[in-house]
mmCIF file of all heavy atoms, coordinates in Angstrom:
data_MODEL
# 
_entry.id   MODEL 
# 
loop_
_atom_site.group_PDB 
_atom_site.id 
_atom_site.type_symbol 
_atom_site.label_atom_id 
_atom_site.label_alt_id 
_atom_site.label_comp_id 
_atom_site.label_asym_id 
_atom_site.label_entity_id 
_atom_site.label_seq_id 
_atom_site.pdbx_PDB_ins_code 
_atom_site.Cartn_x 
_atom_site.Cartn_y 
_atom_site.Cartn_z 
_atom_site.occupancy 
_atom_site.B_iso_or_equiv 
_atom_site.pdbx_formal_charge 
_atom_site.auth_seq_id 
_atom_site.auth_comp_id 
_atom_site.auth_asym_id 
_atom_site.auth_atom_id 
_atom_site.pdbx_PDB_model_num 
ATOM 1   N N   . ARG A 1 1  ? -4.392  -20.023 -2.836 1.00 0.00 ? 1  ARG A N   1 
ATOM 2   C CA  . ARG A 1 1  ? -3.426  -19.253 -2.058 1.00 0.00 ? 1  ARG A CA  1 
ATOM 3   C C   . ARG A 1 1  ? -3.300  -17.842 -2.610 1.00 0.00 ? 1  ARG A C   1 
ATOM 4   O O   . ARG A 1 1  ? -3.322  -17.626 -3.821 1.00 0.00 ? 1  ARG A O   1 
ATOM 5   C CB  . ARG A 1 1  ? -2.060  -19.942 -2.057 1.00 0.00 ? 1  ARG A CB  1 
ATOM 6   C CG  . ARG A 1 1  ? -2.055  -21.300 -1.362 1.00 0.00 ? 1  ARG A CG  1 
ATOM 7   C CD  . ARG A 1 1  ? -0.718  -22.012 -1.541 1.00 0.00 ? 1  ARG A CD  1 
ATOM 8   N NE  . ARG A 1 1  ? 0.361   -21.249 -0.950 1.00 0.00 ? 1  ARG A NE  1 
ATOM 9   C CZ  . ARG A 1 1  ? 0.714   -21.296 0.336  1.00 0.00 ? 1  ARG A CZ  1 
ATOM 10  N NH1 . ARG A 1 1  ? 0.040   -22.058 1.160  1.00 0.00 ? 1  ARG A NH1 1 
ATOM 11  N NH2 . ARG A 1 1  ? 1.716   -20.595 0.794  1.00 0.00 ? 1  ARG A NH2 1 
ATOM 12  N N   . TYR A 1 2  ? -3.148  -16.879 -1.719 1.00 0.00 ? 2  TYR A N   1 
ATOM 13  C CA  . TYR A 1 2  ? -3.019  -15.481 -2.132 1.00 0.00 ? 2  TYR A CA  1 
ATOM 14  C C   . TYR A 1 2  ? -2.384  -14.685 -1.004 1.00 0.00 ? 2  TYR A C   1 
ATOM 15  O O   . TYR A 1 2  ? -2.266  -15.164 0.131  1.00 0.00 ? 2  TYR A O   1 
ATOM 16  C CB  . TYR A 1 2  ? -4.388  -14.870 -2.469 1.00 0.00 ? 2  TYR A CB  1 
ATOM 17  C CG  . TYR A 1 2  ? -5.248  -14.661 -1.250 1.00 0.00 ? 2  TYR A CG  1 
ATOM 18  C CD1 . TYR A 1 2  ? -5.224  -13.455 -0.547 1.00 0.00 ? 2  TYR A CD1 1 
ATOM 19  C CD2 . TYR A 1 2  ? -6.085  -15.672 -0.769 1.00 0.00 ? 2  TYR A CD2 1 
ATOM 20  C CE1 . TYR A 1 2  ? -5.998  -13.262 0.581  1.00 0.00 ? 2  TYR A CE1 1 
ATOM 21  C CE2 . TYR A 1 2  ? -6.858  -15.484 0.352  1.00 0.00 ? 2  TYR A CE2 1 
ATOM 22  C CZ  . TYR A 1 2  ? -6.825  -14.284 1.026  1.00 0.00 ? 2  TYR A CZ  1 
ATOM 23  O OH  . TYR A 1 2  ? -7.587  -14.097 2.148  1.00 0.00 ? 2  TYR A OH  1 
ATOM 24  N N   . ARG A 1 3  ? -1.997  -13.458 -1.318 1.00 0.00 ? 3  ARG A N   1 
ATOM 25  C CA  . ARG A 1 3  ? -1.570  -12.513 -0.293 1.00 0.00 ? 3  ARG A CA  1 
ATOM 26  C C   . ARG A 1 3  ? -1.855  -11.099 -0.796 1.00 0.00 ? 3  ARG A C   1 
ATOM 27  O O   . ARG A 1 3  ? -1.648  -10.804 -1.974 1.00 0.00 ? 3  ARG A O   1 
ATOM 28  C CB  . ARG A 1 3  ? -0.093  -12.675 0.052  1.00 0.00 ? 3  ARG A CB  1 
ATOM 29  C CG  . ARG A 1 3  ? 0.873   -12.589 -1.107 1.00 0.00 ? 3  ARG A CG  1 
ATOM 30  C CD  . ARG A 1 3  ? 2.280   -12.883 -0.647 1.00 0.00 ? 3  ARG A CD  1 
ATOM 31  N NE  . ARG A 1 3  ? 3.225   -12.969 -1.756 1.00 0.00 ? 3  ARG A NE  1 
ATOM 32  C CZ  . ARG A 1 3  ? 4.481   -13.352 -1.635 1.00 0.00 ? 3  ARG A CZ  1 
ATOM 33  N NH1 . ARG A 1 3  ? 4.951   -13.659 -0.446 1.00 0.00 ? 3  ARG A NH1 1 
ATOM 34  N NH2 . ARG A 1 3  ? 5.288   -13.423 -2.671 1.00 0.00 ? 3  ARG A NH2 1 
ATOM 35  N N   . VAL A 1 4  ? -2.326  -10.273 0.104  1.00 0.00 ? 4  VAL A N   1 
ATOM 36  C CA  . VAL A 1 4  ? -2.619  -8.879  -0.240 1.00 0.00 ? 4  VAL A CA  1 
ATOM 37  C C   . VAL A 1 4  ? -1.321  -8.100  -0.108 1.00 0.00 ? 4  VAL A C   1 
ATOM 38  O O   . VAL A 1 4  ? -0.791  -7.927  0.995  1.00 0.00 ? 4  VAL A O   1 
ATOM 39  C CB  . VAL A 1 4  ? -3.704  -8.294  0.683  1.00 0.00 ? 4  VAL A CB  1 
ATOM 40  C CG1 . VAL A 1 4  ? -3.935  -6.821  0.364  1.00 0.00 ? 4  VAL A CG1 1 
ATOM 41  C CG2 . VAL A 1 4  ? -5.002  -9.076  0.542  1.00 0.00 ? 4  VAL A CG2 1 
ATOM 42  N N   . VAL A 1 5  ? -0.805  -7.625  -1.240 1.00 0.00 ? 5  VAL A N   1 
ATOM 43  C CA  . VAL A 1 5  ? 0.498   -6.951  -1.235 1.00 0.00 ? 5  VAL A CA  1 
ATOM 44  C C   . VAL A 1 5  ? 0.356   -5.432  -1.137 1.00 0.00 ? 5  VAL A C   1 
ATOM 45  O O   . VAL A 1 5  ? 1.307   -4.747  -0.784 1.00 0.00 ? 5  VAL A O   1 
ATOM 46  C CB  . VAL A 1 5  ? 1.322   -7.332  -2.483 1.00 0.00 ? 5  VAL A CB  1 
ATOM 47  C CG1 . VAL A 1 5  ? 1.704   -8.804  -2.442 1.00 0.00 ? 5  VAL A CG1 1 
ATOM 48  C CG2 . VAL A 1 5  ? 0.568   -7.020  -3.772 1.00 0.00 ? 5  VAL A CG2 1 
ATOM 49  N N   . ARG A 1 6  ? -0.821  -4.906  -1.479 1.00 0.00 ? 6  ARG A N   1 
ATOM 50  C CA  . ARG A 1 6  ? -1.057  -3.462  -1.318 1.00 0.00 ? 6  ARG A CA  1 
ATOM 51  C C   . ARG A 1 6  ? -2.462  -3.272  -0.772 1.00 0.00 ? 6  ARG A C   1 
ATOM 52  O O   . ARG A 1 6  ? -3.438  -3.619  -1.448 1.00 0.00 ? 6  ARG A O   1 
ATOM 53  C CB  . ARG A 1 6  ? -0.913  -2.716  -2.653 1.00 0.00 ? 6  ARG A CB  1 
ATOM 54  C CG  . ARG A 1 6  ? 0.518   -2.537  -3.121 1.00 0.00 ? 6  ARG A CG  1 
ATOM 55  C CD  . ARG A 1 6  ? 0.584   -1.616  -4.323 1.00 0.00 ? 6  ARG A CD  1 
ATOM 56  N NE  . ARG A 1 6  ? 0.175   -0.263  -3.979 1.00 0.00 ? 6  ARG A NE  1 
ATOM 57  C CZ  . ARG A 1 6  ? -0.427  0.570   -4.835 1.00 0.00 ? 6  ARG A CZ  1 
ATOM 58  N NH1 . ARG A 1 6  ? -0.708  0.190   -6.048 1.00 0.00 ? 6  ARG A NH1 1 
ATOM 59  N NH2 . ARG A 1 6  ? -0.754  1.785   -4.441 1.00 0.00 ? 6  ARG A NH2 1 
ATOM 60  N N   . PRO A 1 7  ? -2.600  -2.750  0.427  1.00 0.00 ? 7  PRO A N   1 
ATOM 61  C CA  . PRO A 1 7  ? -3.932  -2.568  1.016  1.00 0.00 ? 7  PRO A CA  1 
ATOM 62  C C   . PRO A 1 7  ? -4.643  -1.353  0.443  1.00 0.00 ? 7  PRO A C   1 
ATOM 63  O O   . PRO A 1 7  ? -4.095  -0.603  -0.372 1.00 0.00 ? 7  PRO A O   1 
ATOM 64  C CB  . PRO A 1 7  ? -3.619  -2.382  2.501  1.00 0.00 ? 7  PRO A CB  1 
ATOM 65  C CG  . PRO A 1 7  ? -2.248  -1.792  2.527  1.00 0.00 ? 7  PRO A CG  1 
ATOM 66  C CD  . PRO A 1 7  ? -1.522  -2.376  1.353  1.00 0.00 ? 7  PRO A CD  1 
ATOM 67  N N   . PHE A 1 8  ? -5.852  -1.150  0.903  1.00 0.00 ? 8  PHE A N   1 
ATOM 68  C CA  . PHE A 1 8  ? -6.688  -0.047  0.428  1.00 0.00 ? 8  PHE A CA  1 
ATOM 69  C C   . PHE A 1 8  ? -6.284  1.264   1.093  1.00 0.00 ? 8  PHE A C   1 
ATOM 70  O O   . PHE A 1 8  ? -5.865  1.298   2.246  1.00 0.00 ? 8  PHE A O   1 
ATOM 71  C CB  . PHE A 1 8  ? -8.155  -0.362  0.766  1.00 0.00 ? 8  PHE A CB  1 
ATOM 72  C CG  . PHE A 1 8  ? -9.103  0.768   0.500  1.00 0.00 ? 8  PHE A CG  1 
ATOM 73  C CD1 . PHE A 1 8  ? -9.585  1.008   -0.772 1.00 0.00 ? 8  PHE A CD1 1 
ATOM 74  C CD2 . PHE A 1 8  ? -9.516  1.605   1.535  1.00 0.00 ? 8  PHE A CD2 1 
ATOM 75  C CE1 . PHE A 1 8  ? -10.469 2.041   -1.021 1.00 0.00 ? 8  PHE A CE1 1 
ATOM 76  C CE2 . PHE A 1 8  ? -10.402 2.640   1.300  1.00 0.00 ? 8  PHE A CE2 1 
ATOM 77  C CZ  . PHE A 1 8  ? -10.878 2.859   0.012  1.00 0.00 ? 8  PHE A CZ  1 
ATOM 78  N N   . GLY A 1 9  ? -6.438  2.353   0.333  1.00 0.00 ? 9  GLY A N   1 
ATOM 79  C CA  . GLY A 1 9  ? -6.305  3.690   0.896  1.00 0.00 ? 9  GLY A CA  1 
ATOM 80  C C   . GLY A 1 9  ? -4.909  4.285   0.789  1.00 0.00 ? 9  GLY A C   1 
ATOM 81  O O   . GLY A 1 9  ? -3.999  3.732   0.172  1.00 0.00 ? 9  GLY A O   1 
ATOM 82  N N   . ARG A 1 10 ? -4.771  5.431   1.436  1.00 0.00 ? 10 ARG A N   1 
ATOM 83  C CA  . ARG A 1 10 ? -3.524  6.186   1.418  1.00 0.00 ? 10 ARG A CA  1 
ATOM 84  C C   . ARG A 1 10 ? -2.672  5.779   2.613  1.00 0.00 ? 10 ARG A C   1 
ATOM 85  O O   . ARG A 1 10 ? -3.175  5.719   3.742  1.00 0.00 ? 10 ARG A O   1 
ATOM 86  C CB  . ARG A 1 10 ? -3.846  7.688   1.479  1.00 0.00 ? 10 ARG A CB  1 
ATOM 87  C CG  . ARG A 1 10 ? -2.648  8.605   1.330  1.00 0.00 ? 10 ARG A CG  1 
ATOM 88  C CD  . ARG A 1 10 ? -3.112  10.065  1.375  1.00 0.00 ? 10 ARG A CD  1 
ATOM 89  N NE  . ARG A 1 10 ? -2.002  10.988  1.256  1.00 0.00 ? 10 ARG A NE  1 
ATOM 90  C CZ  . ARG A 1 10 ? -1.487  11.395  0.109  1.00 0.00 ? 10 ARG A CZ  1 
ATOM 91  N NH1 . ARG A 1 10 ? -1.985  10.953  -1.031 1.00 0.00 ? 10 ARG A NH1 1 
ATOM 92  N NH2 . ARG A 1 10 ? -0.474  12.238  0.069  1.00 0.00 ? 10 ARG A NH2 1 
ATOM 93  N N   . ARG A 1 11 ? -1.404  5.525   2.379  1.00 0.00 ? 11 ARG A N   1 
ATOM 94  C CA  . ARG A 1 11 ? -0.540  5.114   3.488  1.00 0.00 ? 11 ARG A CA  1 
ATOM 95  C C   . ARG A 1 11 ? 0.916   5.473   3.192  1.00 0.00 ? 11 ARG A C   1 
ATOM 96  O O   . ARG A 1 11 ? 1.339   5.573   2.038  1.00 0.00 ? 11 ARG A O   1 
ATOM 97  C CB  . ARG A 1 11 ? -0.656  3.608   3.741  1.00 0.00 ? 11 ARG A CB  1 
ATOM 98  C CG  . ARG A 1 11 ? -0.072  2.746   2.625  1.00 0.00 ? 11 ARG A CG  1 
ATOM 99  C CD  . ARG A 1 11 ? -0.044  1.287   3.000  1.00 0.00 ? 11 ARG A CD  1 
ATOM 100 N NE  . ARG A 1 11 ? 0.705   0.513   2.023  1.00 0.00 ? 11 ARG A NE  1 
ATOM 101 C CZ  . ARG A 1 11 ? 1.594   -0.414  2.318  1.00 0.00 ? 11 ARG A CZ  1 
ATOM 102 N NH1 . ARG A 1 11 ? 1.850   -0.694  3.566  1.00 0.00 ? 11 ARG A NH1 1 
ATOM 103 N NH2 . ARG A 1 11 ? 2.239   -1.084  1.386  1.00 0.00 ? 11 ARG A NH2 1 
ATOM 104 N N   . GLN A 1 12 ? 1.638   5.669   4.273  1.00 0.00 ? 12 GLN A N   1 
ATOM 105 C CA  . GLN A 1 12 ? 3.079   5.899   4.202  1.00 0.00 ? 12 GLN A CA  1 
ATOM 106 C C   . GLN A 1 12 ? 3.766   4.559   3.971  1.00 0.00 ? 12 GLN A C   1 
ATOM 107 O O   . GLN A 1 12 ? 3.451   3.580   4.632  1.00 0.00 ? 12 GLN A O   1 
ATOM 108 C CB  . GLN A 1 12 ? 3.567   6.511   5.515  1.00 0.00 ? 12 GLN A CB  1 
ATOM 109 C CG  . GLN A 1 12 ? 5.082   6.598   5.668  1.00 0.00 ? 12 GLN A CG  1 
ATOM 110 C CD  . GLN A 1 12 ? 5.692   7.652   4.764  1.00 0.00 ? 12 GLN A CD  1 
ATOM 111 O OE1 . GLN A 1 12 ? 5.185   8.742   4.695  1.00 0.00 ? 12 GLN A OE1 1 
ATOM 112 N NE2 . GLN A 1 12 ? 6.764   7.305   4.083  1.00 0.00 ? 12 GLN A NE2 1 
ATOM 113 N N   . HIS A 1 13 ? 4.688   4.517   3.005  1.00 0.00 ? 13 HIS A N   1 
ATOM 114 C CA  . HIS A 1 13 ? 5.384   3.258   2.738  1.00 0.00 ? 13 HIS A CA  1 
ATOM 115 C C   . HIS A 1 13 ? 6.160   2.848   3.987  1.00 0.00 ? 13 HIS A C   1 
ATOM 116 O O   . HIS A 1 13 ? 6.861   3.662   4.590  1.00 0.00 ? 13 HIS A O   1 
ATOM 117 C CB  . HIS A 1 13 ? 6.340   3.408   1.559  1.00 0.00 ? 13 HIS A CB  1 
ATOM 118 C CG  . HIS A 1 13 ? 6.773   2.106   0.982  1.00 0.00 ? 13 HIS A CG  1 
ATOM 119 N ND1 . HIS A 1 13 ? 7.717   1.299   1.581  1.00 0.00 ? 13 HIS A ND1 1 
ATOM 120 C CD2 . HIS A 1 13 ? 6.379   1.451   -0.132 1.00 0.00 ? 13 HIS A CD2 1 
ATOM 121 C CE1 . HIS A 1 13 ? 7.895   0.221   0.858  1.00 0.00 ? 13 HIS A CE1 1 
ATOM 122 N NE2 . HIS A 1 13 ? 7.088   0.280   -0.190 1.00 0.00 ? 13 HIS A NE2 1 
ATOM 123 N N   . PRO A 1 14 ? 6.025   1.580   4.418  1.00 0.00 ? 14 PRO A N   1 
ATOM 124 C CA  . PRO A 1 14 ? 6.660   1.164   5.680  1.00 0.00 ? 14 PRO A CA  1 
ATOM 125 C C   . PRO A 1 14 ? 8.179   1.175   5.659  1.00 0.00 ? 14 PRO A C   1 
ATOM 126 O O   . PRO A 1 14 ? 8.811   1.219   6.710  1.00 0.00 ? 14 PRO A O   1 
ATOM 127 C CB  . PRO A 1 14 ? 6.130   -0.267  5.879  1.00 0.00 ? 14 PRO A CB  1 
ATOM 128 C CG  . PRO A 1 14 ? 5.743   -0.730  4.504  1.00 0.00 ? 14 PRO A CG  1 
ATOM 129 C CD  . PRO A 1 14 ? 5.269   0.490   3.787  1.00 0.00 ? 14 PRO A CD  1 
ATOM 130 N N   . GLU A 1 15 ? 8.775   1.141   4.476  1.00 0.00 ? 15 GLU A N   1 
ATOM 131 C CA  . GLU A 1 15 ? 10.233  1.042   4.391  1.00 0.00 ? 15 GLU A CA  1 
ATOM 132 C C   . GLU A 1 15 ? 10.891  2.273   3.758  1.00 0.00 ? 15 GLU A C   1 
ATOM 133 O O   . GLU A 1 15 ? 12.043  2.579   4.078  1.00 0.00 ? 15 GLU A O   1 
ATOM 134 C CB  . GLU A 1 15 ? 10.637  -0.206  3.576  1.00 0.00 ? 15 GLU A CB  1 
ATOM 135 C CG  . GLU A 1 15 ? 10.038  -1.509  4.085  1.00 0.00 ? 15 GLU A CG  1 
ATOM 136 C CD  . GLU A 1 15 ? 10.528  -1.882  5.462  1.00 0.00 ? 15 GLU A CD  1 
ATOM 137 O OE1 . GLU A 1 15 ? 11.578  -1.367  5.877  1.00 0.00 ? 15 GLU A OE1 1 
ATOM 138 O OE2 . GLU A 1 15 ? 9.845   -2.678  6.136  1.00 0.00 ? 15 GLU A OE2 1 
ATOM 139 N N   . LEU A 1 16 ? 10.179  2.954   2.876  1.00 0.00 ? 16 LEU A N   1 
ATOM 140 C CA  . LEU A 1 16 ? 10.774  4.065   2.126  1.00 0.00 ? 16 LEU A CA  1 
ATOM 141 C C   . LEU A 1 16 ? 10.229  5.396   2.658  1.00 0.00 ? 16 LEU A C   1 
ATOM 142 O O   . LEU A 1 16 ? 9.032   5.684   2.509  1.00 0.00 ? 16 LEU A O   1 
ATOM 143 C CB  . LEU A 1 16 ? 10.444  3.933   0.639  1.00 0.00 ? 16 LEU A CB  1 
ATOM 144 C CG  . LEU A 1 16 ? 11.002  2.679   -0.046 1.00 0.00 ? 16 LEU A CG  1 
ATOM 145 C CD1 . LEU A 1 16 ? 10.436  2.553   -1.446 1.00 0.00 ? 16 LEU A CD1 1 
ATOM 146 C CD2 . LEU A 1 16 ? 12.519  2.708   -0.083 1.00 0.00 ? 16 LEU A CD2 1 
ATOM 147 N N   . PRO A 1 17 ? 11.064  6.210   3.285  1.00 0.00 ? 17 PRO A N   1 
ATOM 148 C CA  . PRO A 1 17 ? 10.601  7.511   3.772  1.00 0.00 ? 17 PRO A CA  1 
ATOM 149 C C   . PRO A 1 17 ? 10.231  8.423   2.607  1.00 0.00 ? 17 PRO A C   1 
ATOM 150 O O   . PRO A 1 17 ? 10.776  8.312   1.506  1.00 0.00 ? 17 PRO A O   1 
ATOM 151 C CB  . PRO A 1 17 ? 11.806  8.042   4.551  1.00 0.00 ? 17 PRO A CB  1 
ATOM 152 C CG  . PRO A 1 17 ? 12.983  7.334   3.967  1.00 0.00 ? 17 PRO A CG  1 
ATOM 153 C CD  . PRO A 1 17 ? 12.491  5.988   3.542  1.00 0.00 ? 17 PRO A CD  1 
ATOM 154 N N   . HIS A 1 18 ? 9.282   9.305   2.865  1.00 0.00 ? 18 HIS A N   1 
ATOM 155 C CA  . HIS A 1 18 ? 8.820   10.285  1.881  1.00 0.00 ? 18 HIS A CA  1 
ATOM 156 C C   . HIS A 1 18 ? 8.111   9.631   0.698  1.00 0.00 ? 18 HIS A C   1 
ATOM 157 O O   . HIS A 1 18 ? 7.876   10.295  -0.310 1.00 0.00 ? 18 HIS A O   1 
ATOM 158 C CB  . HIS A 1 18 ? 9.982   11.141  1.351  1.00 0.00 ? 18 HIS A CB  1 
ATOM 159 C CG  . HIS A 1 18 ? 10.873  11.691  2.425  1.00 0.00 ? 18 HIS A CG  1 
ATOM 160 N ND1 . HIS A 1 18 ? 10.398  12.493  3.444  1.00 0.00 ? 18 HIS A ND1 1 
ATOM 161 C CD2 . HIS A 1 18 ? 12.198  11.530  2.679  1.00 0.00 ? 18 HIS A CD2 1 
ATOM 162 C CE1 . HIS A 1 18 ? 11.389  12.825  4.254  1.00 0.00 ? 18 HIS A CE1 1 
ATOM 163 N NE2 . HIS A 1 18 ? 12.498  12.235  3.810  1.00 0.00 ? 18 HIS A NE2 1 
ATOM 164 N N   . VAL A 1 19 ? 7.774   8.353   0.794  1.00 0.00 ? 19 VAL A N   1 
ATOM 165 C CA  . VAL A 1 19 ? 7.018   7.690   -0.272 1.00 0.00 ? 19 VAL A CA  1 
ATOM 166 C C   . VAL A 1 19 ? 5.625   7.384   0.268  1.00 0.00 ? 19 VAL A C   1 
ATOM 167 O O   . VAL A 1 19 ? 5.473   6.590   1.202  1.00 0.00 ? 19 VAL A O   1 
ATOM 168 C CB  . VAL A 1 19 ? 7.703   6.396   -0.750 1.00 0.00 ? 19 VAL A CB  1 
ATOM 169 C CG1 . VAL A 1 19 ? 6.809   5.660   -1.744 1.00 0.00 ? 19 VAL A CG1 1 
ATOM 170 C CG2 . VAL A 1 19 ? 9.041   6.711   -1.398 1.00 0.00 ? 19 VAL A CG2 1 
ATOM 171 N N   . VAL A 1 20 ? 4.618   8.038   -0.285 1.00 0.00 ? 20 VAL A N   1 
ATOM 172 C CA  . VAL A 1 20 ? 3.230   7.836   0.115  1.00 0.00 ? 20 VAL A CA  1 
ATOM 173 C C   . VAL A 1 20 ? 2.485   7.227   -1.070 1.00 0.00 ? 20 VAL A C   1 
ATOM 174 O O   . VAL A 1 20 ? 2.563   7.742   -2.193 1.00 0.00 ? 20 VAL A O   1 
ATOM 175 C CB  . VAL A 1 20 ? 2.568   9.163   0.542  1.00 0.00 ? 20 VAL A CB  1 
ATOM 176 C CG1 . VAL A 1 20 ? 1.111   8.936   0.915  1.00 0.00 ? 20 VAL A CG1 1 
ATOM 177 C CG2 . VAL A 1 20 ? 3.321   9.770   1.722  1.00 0.00 ? 20 VAL A CG2 1 
ATOM 178 N N   . THR A 1 21 ? 1.795   6.135   -0.843 1.00 0.00 ? 21 THR A N   1 
ATOM 179 C CA  . THR A 1 21 ? 1.045   5.477   -1.916 1.00 0.00 ? 21 THR A CA  1 
ATOM 180 C C   . THR A 1 21 ? -0.447  5.549   -1.612 1.00 0.00 ? 21 THR A C   1 
ATOM 181 O O   . THR A 1 21 ? -0.855  5.653   -0.454 1.00 0.00 ? 21 THR A O   1 
ATOM 182 C CB  . THR A 1 21 ? 1.472   4.007   -2.056 1.00 0.00 ? 21 THR A CB  1 
ATOM 183 O OG1 . THR A 1 21 ? 1.226   3.312   -0.815 1.00 0.00 ? 21 THR A OG1 1 
ATOM 184 C CG2 . THR A 1 21 ? 2.939   3.894   -2.409 1.00 0.00 ? 21 THR A CG2 1 
ATOM 185 N N   . GLU A 1 22 ? -1.233  5.510   -2.666 1.00 0.00 ? 22 GLU A N   1 
ATOM 186 C CA  . GLU A 1 22 ? -2.694  5.526   -2.525 1.00 0.00 ? 22 GLU A CA  1 
ATOM 187 C C   . GLU A 1 22 ? -3.274  4.463   -3.434 1.00 0.00 ? 22 GLU A C   1 
ATOM 188 O O   . GLU A 1 22 ? -2.885  4.358   -4.602 1.00 0.00 ? 22 GLU A O   1 
ATOM 189 C CB  . GLU A 1 22 ? -3.255  6.903   -2.864 1.00 0.00 ? 22 GLU A CB  1 
ATOM 190 C CG  . GLU A 1 22 ? -4.726  7.032   -2.535 1.00 0.00 ? 22 GLU A CG  1 
ATOM 191 C CD  . GLU A 1 22 ? -5.190  8.475   -2.482 1.00 0.00 ? 22 GLU A CD  1 
ATOM 192 O OE1 . GLU A 1 22 ? -4.372  9.375   -2.746 1.00 0.00 ? 22 GLU A OE1 1 
ATOM 193 O OE2 . GLU A 1 22 ? -6.372  8.701   -2.171 1.00 0.00 ? 22 GLU A OE2 1 
ATOM 194 N N   . ASN A 1 23 ? -4.188  3.676   -2.900 1.00 0.00 ? 23 ASN A N   1 
ATOM 195 C CA  . ASN A 1 23 ? -4.754  2.561   -3.645 1.00 0.00 ? 23 ASN A CA  1 
ATOM 196 C C   . ASN A 1 23 ? -6.274  2.620   -3.541 1.00 0.00 ? 23 ASN A C   1 
ATOM 197 O O   . ASN A 1 23 ? -6.823  2.690   -2.438 1.00 0.00 ? 23 ASN A O   1 
ATOM 198 C CB  . ASN A 1 23 ? -4.223  1.232   -3.090 1.00 0.00 ? 23 ASN A CB  1 
ATOM 199 C CG  . ASN A 1 23 ? -4.445  0.078   -4.053 1.00 0.00 ? 23 ASN A CG  1 
ATOM 200 O OD1 . ASN A 1 23 ? -5.014  0.255   -5.125 1.00 0.00 ? 23 ASN A OD1 1 
ATOM 201 N ND2 . ASN A 1 23 ? -3.998  -1.108  -3.685 1.00 0.00 ? 23 ASN A ND2 1 
ATOM 202 N N   . ALA A 1 24 ? -6.948  2.586   -4.692 1.00 0.00 ? 24 ALA A N   1 
ATOM 203 C CA  . ALA A 1 24 ? -8.407  2.632   -4.708 1.00 0.00 ? 24 ALA A CA  1 
ATOM 204 C C   . ALA A 1 24 ? -9.026  1.277   -4.410 1.00 0.00 ? 24 ALA A C   1 
ATOM 205 O O   . ALA A 1 24 ? -10.253 1.173   -4.269 1.00 0.00 ? 24 ALA A O   1 
ATOM 206 C CB  . ALA A 1 24 ? -8.896  3.132   -6.060 1.00 0.00 ? 24 ALA A CB  1 
ATOM 207 N N   . GLY A 1 25 ? -8.188  0.240   -4.315 1.00 0.00 ? 25 GLY A N   1 
ATOM 208 C CA  . GLY A 1 25 ? -8.681  -1.100  -4.002 1.00 0.00 ? 25 GLY A CA  1 
ATOM 209 C C   . GLY A 1 25 ? -7.621  -1.860  -3.233 1.00 0.00 ? 25 GLY A C   1 
ATOM 210 O O   . GLY A 1 25 ? -6.906  -1.287  -2.404 1.00 0.00 ? 25 GLY A O   1 
ATOM 211 N N   . ILE A 1 26 ? -7.509  -3.155  -3.496 1.00 0.00 ? 26 ILE A N   1 
ATOM 212 C CA  . ILE A 1 26 ? -6.438  -3.966  -2.920 1.00 0.00 ? 26 ILE A CA  1 
ATOM 213 C C   . ILE A 1 26 ? -5.755  -4.730  -4.046 1.00 0.00 ? 26 ILE A C   1 
ATOM 214 O O   . ILE A 1 26 ? -6.395  -5.094  -5.036 1.00 0.00 ? 26 ILE A O   1 
ATOM 215 C CB  . ILE A 1 26 ? -6.958  -4.956  -1.843 1.00 0.00 ? 26 ILE A CB  1 
ATOM 216 C CG1 . ILE A 1 26 ? -8.053  -5.870  -2.415 1.00 0.00 ? 26 ILE A CG1 1 
ATOM 217 C CG2 . ILE A 1 26 ? -7.462  -4.204  -0.627 1.00 0.00 ? 26 ILE A CG2 1 
ATOM 218 C CD1 . ILE A 1 26 ? -8.526  -6.935  -1.440 1.00 0.00 ? 26 ILE A CD1 1 
ATOM 219 N N   . ASP A 1 27 ? -4.455  -4.943  -3.912 1.00 0.00 ? 27 ASP A N   1 
ATOM 220 C CA  . ASP A 1 27 ? -3.688  -5.716  -4.887 1.00 0.00 ? 27 ASP A CA  1 
ATOM 221 C C   . ASP A 1 27 ? -3.391  -7.085  -4.294 1.00 0.00 ? 27 ASP A C   1 
ATOM 222 O O   . ASP A 1 27 ? -2.807  -7.182  -3.210 1.00 0.00 ? 27 ASP A O   1 
ATOM 223 C CB  . ASP A 1 27 ? -2.395  -4.999  -5.244 1.00 0.00 ? 27 ASP A CB  1 
ATOM 224 C CG  . ASP A 1 27 ? -2.657  -3.740  -6.073 1.00 0.00 ? 27 ASP A CG  1 
ATOM 225 O OD1 . ASP A 1 27 ? -3.830  -3.468  -6.367 1.00 0.00 ? 27 ASP A OD1 1 
ATOM 226 O OD2 . ASP A 1 27 ? -1.700  -3.026  -6.387 1.00 0.00 ? 27 ASP A OD2 1 
# 
């Protein structure tokens, strides 16, 4: 069992405005 909690690439946080995250892989 697993779940991807952070996808790949740059994205706007779905809940927190003005928070942009960038991920070189997947978590």
